PDB file of N, CA and C in Angstrom:
ATOM      1  N   MET A   1       0.822  -1.189   0.000  1.00  0.00           N
ATOM      2  CA  MET A   1       0.000   0.000   0.000  1.00  0.00           C
ATOM      3  C   MET A   1       0.873   1.263   0.000  1.00  0.00           C
ATOM      4  N   ASP A   2       2.039   1.180   0.589  1.00  0.00           N
ATOM      5  CA  ASP A   2       2.934   2.336   0.605  1.00  0.00           C
ATOM      6  C   ASP A   2       3.334   2.748  -0.804  1.00  0.00           C
ATOM      7  N   TYR A   3       3.528   1.762  -1.673  1.00  0.00           N
ATOM      8  CA  TYR A   3       3.904   2.067  -3.049  1.00  0.00           C
ATOM      9  C   TYR A   3       2.843   2.940  -3.699  1.00  0.00           C
ATOM     10  N   PHE A   4       1.577   2.575  -3.513  1.00  0.00           N
ATOM     11  CA  PHE A   4       0.489   3.341  -4.123  1.00  0.00           C
ATOM     12  C   PHE A   4       0.429   4.756  -3.567  1.00  0.00           C
ATOM     13  N   THR A   5       0.461   4.897  -2.275  1.00  0.00           N
ATOM     14  CA  THR A   5       0.340   6.228  -1.678  1.00  0.00           C
ATOM     15  C   THR A   5       1.542   7.114  -2.017  1.00  0.00           C
ATOM     16  N   GLU A   6       2.697   6.538  -2.180  1.00  0.00           N
ATOM     17  CA  GLU A   6       3.883   7.319  -2.521  1.00  0.00           C
ATOM     18  C   GLU A   6       3.902   7.746  -3.982  1.00  0.00           C
ATOM     19  N   ASN A   7       3.303   6.939  -4.852  1.00  0.00           N
ATOM     20  CA  ASN A   7       3.420   7.188  -6.289  1.00  0.00           C
ATOM     21  C   ASN A   7       2.144   7.640  -6.976  1.00  0.00           C
ATOM     22  N   ALA A   8       1.018   7.641  -6.287  1.00  0.00           N
ATOM     23  CA  ALA A   8      -0.261   7.950  -6.930  1.00  0.00           C
ATOM     24  C   ALA A   8      -0.286   9.341  -7.544  1.00  0.00           C
ATOM     25  N   LEU A   9       0.334  10.312  -6.893  1.00  0.00           N
ATOM     26  CA  LEU A   9       0.310  11.679  -7.399  1.00  0.00           C
ATOM     27  C   LEU A   9       1.701  12.210  -7.717  1.00  0.00           C
ATOM     28  N   ARG A  10       2.577  11.310  -8.069  1.00  0.00           N
ATOM     29  CA  ARG A  10       3.951  11.704  -8.392  1.00  0.00           C
ATOM     30  C   ARG A  10       4.000  12.726  -9.526  1.00  0.00           C
ATOM     31  N   TYR A  11       3.090  12.602 -10.482  1.00  0.00           N
ATOM     32  CA  TYR A  11       3.073  13.496 -11.641  1.00  0.00           C
ATOM     33  C   TYR A  11       1.908  14.481 -11.562  1.00  0.00           C
ATOM     34  N   TYR A  12       1.549  14.853 -10.343  1.00  0.00           N
ATOM     35  CA  TYR A  12       0.533  15.871 -10.079  1.00  0.00           C
ATOM     36  C   TYR A  12      -0.841  15.522 -10.655  1.00  0.00           C
ATOM     37  N   GLY A  13      -1.100  14.254 -10.855  1.00  0.00           N
ATOM     38  CA  GLY A  13      -2.394  13.813 -11.371  1.00  0.00           C
ATOM     39  C   GLY A  13      -2.527  13.894 -12.873  1.00  0.00           C
ATOM     40  N   LEU A  14      -1.485  14.348 -13.573  1.00  0.00           N
ATOM     41  CA  LEU A  14      -1.559  14.431 -15.033  1.00  0.00           C
ATOM     42  C   LEU A  14      -1.736  13.056 -15.659  1.00  0.00           C
ATOM     43  N   ASP A  15      -1.079  12.063 -15.116  1.00  0.00           N
ATOM     44  CA  ASP A  15      -1.206  10.701 -15.652  1.00  0.00           C
ATOM     45  C   ASP A  15      -2.620  10.167 -15.461  1.00  0.00           C
ATOM     46  N   TRP A  16      -3.222  10.457 -14.307  1.00  0.00           N
ATOM     47  CA  TRP A  16      -4.596  10.008 -14.052  1.00  0.00           C
ATOM     48  C   TRP A  16      -5.585  10.732 -14.964  1.00  0.00           C
ATOM     49  N   ALA A  17      -5.402  12.045 -15.109  1.00  0.00           N
ATOM     50  CA  ALA A  17      -6.280  12.824 -15.984  1.00  0.00           C
ATOM     51  C   ALA A  17      -6.139  12.369 -17.434  1.00  0.00           C
ATOM     52  N   ALA A  18      -4.912  12.077 -17.849  1.00  0.00           N
ATOM     53  CA  ALA A  18      -4.679  11.598 -19.211  1.00  0.00           C
ATOM     54  C   ALA A  18      -5.378  10.265 -19.436  1.00  0.00           C
ATOM     55  N   MET A  19      -5.275   9.372 -18.474  1.00  0.00           N
ATOM     56  CA  MET A  19      -5.903   8.063 -18.604  1.00  0.00           C
ATOM     57  C   MET A  19      -7.423   8.195 -18.716  1.00  0.00           C
ATOM     58  N   VAL A  20      -8.022   8.961 -17.822  1.00  0.00           N
ATOM     59  CA  VAL A  20      -9.483   9.100 -17.810  1.00  0.00           C
ATOM     60  C   VAL A  20      -9.986   9.770 -19.088  1.00  0.00           C
ATOM     61  N   THR A  21      -9.337  10.854 -19.507  1.00  0.00           N
ATOM     62  CA  THR A  21      -9.799  11.532 -20.714  1.00  0.00           C
ATOM     63  C   THR A  21      -9.564  10.694 -21.976  1.00  0.00           C
ATOM     64  N   THR A  22      -8.535   9.876 -21.977  1.00  0.00           N
ATOM     65  CA  THR A  22      -8.333   8.954 -23.103  1.00  0.00           C
ATOM     66  C   THR A  22      -9.474   7.950 -23.181  1.00  0.00           C
ATOM     67  N   PHE A  23      -9.881   7.399 -22.043  1.00  0.00           N
ATOM     68  CA  PHE A  23     -10.999   6.458 -22.025  1.00  0.00           C
ATOM     69  C   PHE A  23     -12.288   7.129 -22.500  1.00  0.00           C
ATOM     70  N   ILE A  24     -12.523   8.359 -22.051  1.00  0.00           N
ATOM     71  CA  ILE A  24     -13.728   9.089 -22.469  1.00  0.00           C
ATOM     72  C   ILE A  24     -13.689   9.342 -23.971  1.00  0.00           C
ATOM     73  N   SER A  25     -12.530   9.732 -24.475  1.00  0.00           N
ATOM     74  CA  SER A  25     -12.377   9.970 -25.907  1.00  0.00           C
ATOM     75  C   SER A  25     -12.696   8.718 -26.716  1.00  0.00           C
ATOM     76  N   LEU A  26     -12.137   7.604 -26.307  1.00  0.00           N
ATOM     77  CA  LEU A  26     -12.390   6.351 -27.037  1.00  0.00           C
ATOM     78  C   LEU A  26     -13.848   5.937 -26.946  1.00  0.00           C
ATOM     79  N   TYR A  27     -14.467   6.161 -25.802  1.00  0.00           N
ATOM     80  CA  TYR A  27     -15.887   5.841 -25.633  1.00  0.00           C
ATOM     81  C   TYR A  27     -16.739   6.690 -26.588  1.00  0.00           C
ATOM     82  N   LEU A  28     -16.462   7.989 -26.639  1.00  0.00           N
ATOM     83  CA  LEU A  28     -17.219   8.870 -27.520  1.00  0.00           C
ATOM     84  C   LEU A  28     -17.022   8.507 -28.987  1.00  0.00           C
ATOM     85  N   LEU A  29     -15.781   8.254 -29.374  1.00  0.00           N
ATOM     86  CA  LEU A  29     -15.521   7.873 -30.767  1.00  0.00           C
ATOM     87  C   LEU A  29     -16.182   6.545 -31.109  1.00  0.00           C
ATOM     88  N   GLY A  30     -16.198   5.635 -30.152  1.00  0.00           N
ATOM     89  CA  GLY A  30     -16.869   4.351 -30.367  1.00  0.00           C
ATOM     90  C   GLY A  30     -18.366   4.491 -30.545  1.00  0.00           C
ATOM     91  N   ASN A  31     -18.914   5.566 -29.996  1.00  0.00           N
ATOM     92  CA  ASN A  31     -20.339   5.863 -30.172  1.00  0.00           C
ATOM     93  C   ASN A  31     -20.579   6.855 -31.303  1.00  0.00           C
ATOM     94  N   LYS A  32     -19.576   7.035 -32.139  1.00  0.00           N
ATOM     95  CA  LYS A  32     -19.647   7.900 -33.316  1.00  0.00           C
ATOM     96  C   LYS A  32     -19.970   9.345 -32.960  1.00  0.00           C
ATOM     97  N   LYS A  33     -19.360   9.819 -31.881  1.00  0.00           N
ATOM     98  CA  LYS A  33     -19.514  11.207 -31.459  1.00  0.00           C
ATOM     99  C   LYS A  33     -18.247  11.966 -31.820  1.00  0.00           C
ATOM    100  N   ARG A  34     -18.403  13.004 -32.604  1.00  0.00           N
ATOM    101  CA  ARG A  34     -17.259  13.772 -33.086  1.00  0.00           C
ATOM    102  C   ARG A  34     -16.488  14.434 -31.944  1.00  0.00           C
ATOM    103  N   ALA A  35     -17.164  14.742 -30.857  1.00  0.00           N
ATOM    104  CA  ALA A  35     -16.517  15.391 -29.709  1.00  0.00           C
ATOM    105  C   ALA A  35     -15.387  14.541 -29.139  1.00  0.00           C
ATOM    106  N   GLY A  36     -15.379  13.249 -29.437  1.00  0.00           N
ATOM    107  CA  GLY A  36     -14.314  12.374 -28.966  1.00  0.00           C
ATOM    108  C   GLY A  36     -12.940  12.838 -29.419  1.00  0.00           C
ATOM    109  N   PHE A  37     -12.880  13.476 -30.592  1.00  0.00           N
ATOM    110  CA  PHE A  37     -11.605  13.993 -31.076  1.00  0.00           C
ATOM    111  C   PHE A  37     -11.113  15.143 -30.195  1.00  0.00           C
ATOM    112  N   LEU A  38     -12.030  16.016 -29.800  1.00  0.00           N
ATOM    113  CA  LEU A  38     -11.636  17.149 -28.956  1.00  0.00           C
ATOM    114  C   LEU A  38     -11.198  16.681 -27.576  1.00  0.00           C
ATOM    115  N   VAL A  39     -11.913  15.727 -27.017  1.00  0.00           N
ATOM    116  CA  VAL A  39     -11.525  15.168 -25.720  1.00  0.00           C
ATOM    117  C   VAL A  39     -10.166  14.489 -25.850  1.00  0.00           C
ATOM    118  N   GLY A  40      -9.940  13.828 -26.972  1.00  0.00           N
ATOM    119  CA  GLY A  40      -8.653  13.175 -27.218  1.00  0.00           C
ATOM    120  C   GLY A  40      -7.507  14.168 -27.306  1.00  0.00           C
ATOM    121  N   ILE A  41      -7.761  15.315 -27.913  1.00  0.00           N
ATOM    122  CA  ILE A  41      -6.729  16.353 -27.967  1.00  0.00           C
ATOM    123  C   ILE A  41      -6.413  16.828 -26.557  1.00  0.00           C
ATOM    124  N   GLY A  42      -7.458  17.001 -25.746  1.00  0.00           N
ATOM    125  CA  GLY A  42      -7.235  17.374 -24.342  1.00  0.00           C
ATOM    126  C   GLY A  42      -6.441  16.319 -23.603  1.00  0.00           C
ATOM    127  N   ALA A  43      -6.770  15.051 -23.858  1.00  0.00           N
ATOM    128  CA  ALA A  43      -6.046  13.955 -23.219  1.00  0.00           C
ATOM    129  C   ALA A  43      -4.566  14.000 -23.583  1.00  0.00           C
ATOM    130  N   ASN A  44      -4.283  14.328 -24.828  1.00  0.00           N
ATOM    131  CA  ASN A  44      -2.887  14.383 -25.248  1.00  0.00           C
ATOM    132  C   ASN A  44      -2.144  15.573 -24.666  1.00  0.00           C
ATOM    133  N   CYS A  45      -2.862  16.609 -24.302  1.00  0.00           N
ATOM    134  CA  CYS A  45      -2.218  17.707 -23.564  1.00  0.00           C
ATOM    135  C   CYS A  45      -1.776  17.195 -22.192  1.00  0.00           C
ATOM    136  N   PHE A  46      -2.637  16.392 -21.551  1.00  0.00           N
ATOM    137  CA  PHE A  46      -2.251  15.793 -20.269  1.00  0.00           C
ATOM    138  C   PHE A  46      -1.075  14.837 -20.453  1.00  0.00           C
ATOM    139  N   TRP A  47      -1.121  14.016 -21.519  1.00  0.00           N
ATOM    140  CA  TRP A  47      -0.018  13.084 -21.775  1.00  0.00           C
ATOM    141  C   TRP A  47       1.276  13.839 -22.038  1.00  0.00           C
ATOM    142  N   LEU A  48       1.184  14.978 -22.718  1.00  0.00           N
ATOM    143  CA  LEU A  48       2.375  15.784 -22.980  1.00  0.00           C
ATOM    144  C   LEU A  48       2.978  16.285 -21.665  1.00  0.00           C
ATOM    145  N   GLY A  49       2.116  16.754 -20.761  1.00  0.00           N
ATOM    146  CA  GLY A  49       2.602  17.194 -19.454  1.00  0.00           C
ATOM    147  C   GLY A  49       3.230  16.065 -18.669  1.00  0.00           C
ATOM    148  N   TYR A  50       2.605  14.900 -18.735  1.00  0.00           N
ATOM    149  CA  TYR A  50       3.165  13.724 -18.069  1.00  0.00           C
ATOM    150  C   TYR A  50       4.530  13.371 -18.670  1.00  0.00           C
ATOM    151  N   GLY A  51       4.631  13.414 -19.986  1.00  0.00           N
ATOM    152  CA  GLY A  51       5.903  13.119 -20.643  1.00  0.00           C
ATOM    153  C   GLY A  51       6.989  14.103 -20.247  1.00  0.00           C
ATOM    154  N   PHE A  52       6.609  15.364 -20.089  1.00  0.00           N
ATOM    155  CA  PHE A  52       7.569  16.375 -19.666  1.00  0.00           C
ATOM    156  C   PHE A  52       8.059  16.096 -18.246  1.00  0.00           C
ATOM    157  N   LEU A  53       7.124  15.802 -17.343  1.00  0.00           N
ATOM    158  CA  LEU A  53       7.505  15.551 -15.946  1.00  0.00           C
ATOM    159  C   LEU A  53       8.287  14.256 -15.777  1.00  0.00           C
ATOM    160  N   SER A  54       7.993  13.264 -16.619  1.00  0.00           N
ATOM    161  CA  SER A  54       8.696  11.983 -16.517  1.00  0.00           C
ATOM    162  C   SER A  54       9.952  11.957 -17.396  1.00  0.00           C
ATOM    163  N   ILE A  55      10.213  13.062 -18.061  1.00  0.00           N
ATOM    164  CA  ILE A  55      11.378  13.220 -18.935  1.00  0.00           C
ATOM    165  C   ILE A  55      11.406  12.138 -20.021  1.00  0.00           C
ATOM    166  N   SER A  56      10.257  11.983 -20.691  1.00  0.00           N
ATOM    167  CA  SER A  56      10.143  11.004 -21.769  1.00  0.00           C
ATOM    168  C   SER A  56       9.923  11.736 -23.086  1.00  0.00           C
ATOM    169  N   ILE A  57      10.973  11.847 -23.855  1.00  0.00           N
ATOM    170  CA  ILE A  57      10.885  12.526 -25.140  1.00  0.00           C
ATOM    171  C   ILE A  57       9.951  11.768 -26.084  1.00  0.00           C
ATOM    172  N   ALA A  58      10.002  10.453 -26.052  1.00  0.00           N
ATOM    173  CA  ALA A  58       9.133   9.647 -26.909  1.00  0.00           C
ATOM    174  C   ALA A  58       7.665   9.893 -26.573  1.00  0.00           C
ATOM    175  N   ASN A  59       7.342  10.006 -25.301  1.00  0.00           N
ATOM    176  CA  ASN A  59       5.958  10.264 -24.896  1.00  0.00           C
ATOM    177  C   ASN A  59       5.515  11.636 -25.376  1.00  0.00           C
ATOM    178  N   MET A  60       6.376  12.625 -25.248  1.00  0.00           N
ATOM    179  CA  MET A  60       6.022  13.977 -25.692  1.00  0.00           C
ATOM    180  C   MET A  60       5.819  14.024 -27.201  1.00  0.00           C
ATOM    181  N   LEU A  61       6.700  13.358 -27.942  1.00  0.00           N
ATOM    182  CA  LEU A  61       6.564  13.318 -29.399  1.00  0.00           C
ATOM    183  C   LEU A  61       5.285  12.597 -29.803  1.00  0.00           C
ATOM    184  N   ALA A  62       5.030  11.453 -29.186  1.00  0.00           N
ATOM    185  CA  ALA A  62       3.819  10.692 -29.502  1.00  0.00           C
ATOM    186  C   ALA A  62       2.574  11.509 -29.196  1.00  0.00           C
ATOM    187  N   SER A  63       2.583  12.234 -28.093  1.00  0.00           N
ATOM    188  CA  SER A  63       1.427  13.066 -27.728  1.00  0.00           C
ATOM    189  C   SER A  63       1.149  14.118 -28.788  1.00  0.00           C
ATOM    190  N   CYS A  64       2.186  14.746 -29.291  1.00  0.00           N
ATOM    191  CA  CYS A  64       2.014  15.763 -30.328  1.00  0.00           C
ATOM    192  C   CYS A  64       1.488  15.160 -31.623  1.00  0.00           C
ATOM    193  N   VAL A  65       2.039  14.024 -32.017  1.00  0.00           N
ATOM    194  CA  VAL A  65       1.608  13.371 -33.259  1.00  0.00           C
ATOM    195  C   VAL A  65       0.161  12.902 -33.150  1.00  0.00           C
ATOM    196  N   VAL A  66      -0.191  12.278 -32.034  1.00  0.00           N
ATOM    197  CA  VAL A  66      -1.563  11.778 -31.864  1.00  0.00           C
ATOM    198  C   VAL A  66      -2.549  12.944 -31.808  1.00  0.00           C
ATOM    199  N   ALA A  67      -2.191  14.034 -31.144  1.00  0.00           N
ATOM    200  CA  ALA A  67      -3.068  15.208 -31.106  1.00  0.00           C
ATOM    201  C   ALA A  67      -3.281  15.764 -32.514  1.00  0.00           C
ATOM    202  N   ALA A  68      -2.222  15.801 -33.327  1.00  0.00           N
ATOM    203  CA  ALA A  68      -2.351  16.270 -34.709  1.00  0.00           C
ATOM    204  C   ALA A  68      -3.257  15.344 -35.517  1.00  0.00           C
ATOM    205  N   LEU A  69      -3.142  14.044 -35.312  1.00  0.00           N
ATOM    206  CA  LEU A  69      -4.003  13.092 -36.015  1.00  0.00           C
ATOM    207  C   LEU A  69      -5.455  13.229 -35.562  1.00  0.00           C
ATOM    208  N   GLN A  70      -5.661  13.523 -34.292  1.00  0.00           N
ATOM    209  CA  GLN A  70      -7.025  13.718 -33.812  1.00  0.00           C
ATOM    210  C   GLN A  70      -7.623  15.000 -34.386  1.00  0.00           C
ATOM    211  N   TYR A  71      -6.815  16.025 -34.511  1.00  0.00           N
ATOM    212  CA  TYR A  71      -7.277  17.257 -35.151  1.00  0.00           C
ATOM    213  C   TYR A  71      -7.651  16.984 -36.609  1.00  0.00           C
ATOM    214  N   ARG A  72      -6.830  16.201 -37.279  1.00  0.00           N
ATOM    215  CA  ARG A  72      -7.132  15.804 -38.664  1.00  0.00           C
ATOM    216  C   ARG A  72      -8.447  15.042 -38.734  1.00  0.00           C
ATOM    217  N   GLY A  73      -8.654  14.130 -37.788  1.00  0.00           N
ATOM    218  CA  GLY A  73      -9.916  13.384 -37.745  1.00  0.00           C
ATOM    219  C   GLY A  73     -11.102  14.296 -37.536  1.00  0.00           C
ATOM    220  N   TRP A  74     -10.930  15.302 -36.663  1.00  0.00           N
ATOM    221  CA  TRP A  74     -11.990  16.286 -36.415  1.00  0.00           C
ATOM    222  C   TRP A  74     -12.345  17.020 -37.714  1.00  0.00           C
ATOM    223  N   LEU A  75     -11.328  17.448 -38.447  1.00  0.00           N
ATOM    224  CA  LEU A  75     -11.564  18.171 -39.696  1.00  0.00           C
ATOM    225  C   LEU A  75     -12.197  17.280 -40.762  1.00  0.00           C
ATOM    226  N   ARG A  76     -11.703  16.069 -40.902  1.00  0.00           N
ATOM    227  CA  ARG A  76     -12.237  15.161 -41.920  1.00  0.00           C
ATOM    228  C   ARG A  76     -13.666  14.753 -41.616  1.00  0.00           C
ATOM    229  N   TRP A  77     -13.992  14.601 -40.347  1.00  0.00           N
ATOM    230  CA  TRP A  77     -15.351  14.244 -39.975  1.00  0.00           C
ATOM    231  C   TRP A  77     -16.290  15.393 -40.371  1.00  0.00           C
ATOM    232  N   ALA A  78     -15.826  16.623 -40.214  1.00  0.00           N
ATOM    233  CA  ALA A  78     -16.633  17.790 -40.566  1.00  0.00           C
ATOM    234  C   ALA A  78     -16.911  17.817 -42.060  1.00  0.00           C
ATOM    235  N   SER A  79     -15.920  17.455 -42.876  1.00  0.00           N
ATOM    236  CA  SER A  79     -16.122  17.479 -44.326  1.00  0.00           C
ATOM    237  C   SER A  79     -17.112  16.404 -44.761  1.00  0.00           C
ATOM    238  N   GLU A  80     -17.214  15.321 -44.000  1.00  0.00           N
ATOM    239  CA  GLU A  80     -18.183  14.272 -44.327  1.00  0.00           C
ATOM    240  C   GLU A  80     -19.593  14.680 -43.934  1.00  0.00           C
ATOM    241  N   ASP A  81     -19.727  15.584 -42.964  1.00  0.00           N
ATOM    242  CA  ASP A  81     -21.036  16.032 -42.520  1.00  0.00           C
ATOM    243  C   ASP A  81     -21.660  17.049 -43.463  1.00  0.00           C
ATOM    244  N   LYS A  82     -20.849  17.699 -44.297  1.00  0.00           N
ATOM    245  CA  LYS A  82     -21.370  18.711 -45.203  1.00  0.00           C
ATOM    246  C   LYS A  82     -22.197  18.042 -46.298  1.00  0.00           C
ATOM    247  N   PRO A  83     -23.330  18.611 -46.584  1.00  0.00           N
ATOM    248  CA  PRO A  83     -24.150  18.023 -47.650  1.00  0.00           C
ATOM    249  C   PRO A  83     -23.498  18.210 -49.014  1.00  0.00           C
ATOM    250  N   THR A  84     -23.621  17.220 -49.826  1.00  0.00           N
ATOM    251  CA  THR A  84     -23.103  17.330 -51.184  1.00  0.00           C
ATOM    252  C   THR A  84     -24.278  17.582 -52.122  1.00  0.00           C
ATOM    253  N   PHE A  85     -24.080  18.465 -53.038  1.00  0.00           N
ATOM    254  CA  PHE A  85     -25.137  18.803 -53.979  1.00  0.00           C
ATOM    255  C   PHE A  85     -24.882  18.077 -55.284  1.00  0.00           C
ATOM    256  N   VAL A  86     -25.884  17.375 -55.721  1.00  0.00           N
ATOM    257  CA  VAL A  86     -25.772  16.623 -56.963  1.00  0.00           C
ATOM    258  C   VAL A  86     -26.607  17.349 -58.007  1.00  0.00           C
ATOM    259  N   THR A  87     -25.994  17.649 -59.102  1.00  0.00           N
ATOM    260  CA  THR A  87     -26.726  18.300 -60.172  1.00  0.00           C
ATOM    261  C   THR A  87     -26.998  17.283 -61.271  1.00  0.00           C
ATOM    262  N   SER A  88     -28.178  17.335 -61.788  1.00  0.00           N
ATOM    263  CA  SER A  88     -28.511  16.414 -62.885  1.00  0.00           C
ATOM    264  C   SER A  88     -28.218  17.104 -64.202  1.00  0.00           C
ATOM    265  N   GLU A  89     -27.673  16.381 -65.091  1.00  0.00           N
ATOM    266  CA  GLU A  89     -27.300  16.956 -66.384  1.00  0.00           C
ATOM    267  C   GLU A  89     -28.186  16.441 -67.457  1.00  0.00           C
TER     268      GLU A  89
END
């Protein structure tokens, strides 16, 4: 139990917040909710902070790349929602 109490908030709760928001993001995306991308970007901000505090360059890089991909997903989902006009010739 000492291990848990000593390490639970070692990274100021950023790791816990990142974990929870990642789960929420995946849940929303699994239910086809576009907001899951925005929650995922927020989660990656937490992961970036965790990577900084844990001195993990790979984690920080991955957080930036995944956040960029989630932003791309947000934009692409928006383009699919726009109505397309079909003209008959």
